[in-house]
Protein backbone atom coordinates (compact mmCIF):
# COMPACT_ATOMS: atom_id res chain seq x y z
CA MET A 1 89.63 78.99 26.15
CA ARG A 2 90.71 78.66 22.57
CA LYS A 3 87.98 78.68 19.91
CA GLY A 4 87.76 75.52 17.83
CA VAL A 5 89.72 73.43 20.32
CA THR A 6 88.10 70.72 22.40
CA SER A 7 89.00 71.58 25.97
CA GLN A 8 90.92 69.07 28.03
CA PHE A 9 91.73 69.48 31.69
CA ALA A 10 94.17 68.14 34.25
CA VAL A 11 94.76 68.66 37.94
CA CYS A 12 98.21 69.62 39.18
CA VAL A 13 99.59 67.07 41.65
CA ASP A 14 103.14 68.45 41.99
CA ASN A 15 104.37 72.02 41.53
CA GLU A 16 107.98 71.52 42.68
CA GLY A 17 110.12 73.99 40.77
CA TYR A 18 107.08 75.95 39.56
CA PRO A 19 105.40 77.40 42.70
CA ALA A 20 104.57 80.75 41.07
CA SER A 21 103.13 79.12 37.95
CA LEU A 22 101.25 76.07 39.23
CA GLU A 23 99.03 75.38 42.23
CA VAL A 24 98.66 71.83 43.56
CA ARG A 25 95.05 70.54 43.34
CA LYS A 26 94.07 73.23 40.82
CA LEU A 27 92.36 72.44 37.51
CA TYR A 28 94.25 73.55 34.39
CA GLU A 29 93.30 73.67 30.73
CA ILE A 30 95.52 71.47 28.56
CA LEU A 31 96.10 72.42 24.92
CA PRO A 32 96.75 69.74 22.29
CA ASP A 33 100.44 69.33 21.44
CA GLU A 34 101.17 65.79 20.25
CA LYS A 35 104.90 66.32 19.72
CA SER A 36 105.44 67.60 23.27
CA GLU A 37 103.27 64.87 24.78
CA LYS A 38 105.44 62.23 23.08
CA GLU A 39 108.40 63.84 24.86
CA GLY A 40 106.63 63.75 28.25
CA PHE A 41 105.29 67.31 28.45
CA LEU A 42 101.86 68.94 28.52
CA ARG A 43 100.99 72.39 27.17
CA VAL A 44 99.22 73.98 30.12
CA VAL A 45 97.50 77.36 30.49
CA ASP A 46 99.07 78.36 33.81
CA GLU A 47 98.59 81.16 36.36
CA SER A 48 99.93 83.75 33.90
CA GLY A 49 97.07 82.96 31.50
CA GLU A 50 99.60 81.88 28.88
CA ASP A 51 100.38 78.34 27.76
CA TYR A 52 103.71 76.73 28.62
CA LEU A 53 105.16 73.24 28.59
CA TYR A 54 105.39 71.40 31.91
CA PRO A 55 106.38 67.82 32.71
CA ALA A 56 103.30 65.61 32.27
CA ALA A 57 104.13 63.79 35.52
CA ARG A 58 103.05 66.91 37.43
CA PHE A 59 99.44 66.44 36.27
CA ARG A 60 96.62 63.91 36.14
CA ARG A 61 94.16 64.26 33.28
CA LEU A 62 90.48 64.46 34.15
CA ALA A 63 87.38 63.44 32.25
CA VAL A 64 85.31 66.62 32.48
CA PRO A 65 81.61 66.37 31.57
CA LEU A 66 80.39 68.49 28.67
CA ALA A 67 78.23 70.71 30.91
CA VAL A 68 81.27 71.56 33.05
CA ARG A 69 83.44 72.29 29.98
CA GLN A 70 80.71 74.61 28.68
CA ALA A 71 80.44 76.36 32.04
CA LEU A 72 84.21 76.87 32.15
CA ALA A 73 84.20 78.20 28.58
CA SER A 74 81.48 80.75 29.41
CA THR A 75 83.42 82.07 32.42
CA ALA A 76 86.60 82.48 30.35
CA ALA A 77 84.91 84.64 27.72
């Protein structure tokens, strides 16, 4: 996870066209990118461990409790 960035997460609901990069029903970290979001995309840390833009319609954002975000951050370190 990126230092200094409040983690946001979404679950993938459709990986059509991206089967090697996205898994349906998997939780992904979303990085802030206002410009891309206005254009209908999310910046997602995918299976490669890198962040890429994907259509926002392929995801549903989740409200993740602080304790879970902290646990995820400690496993990524």
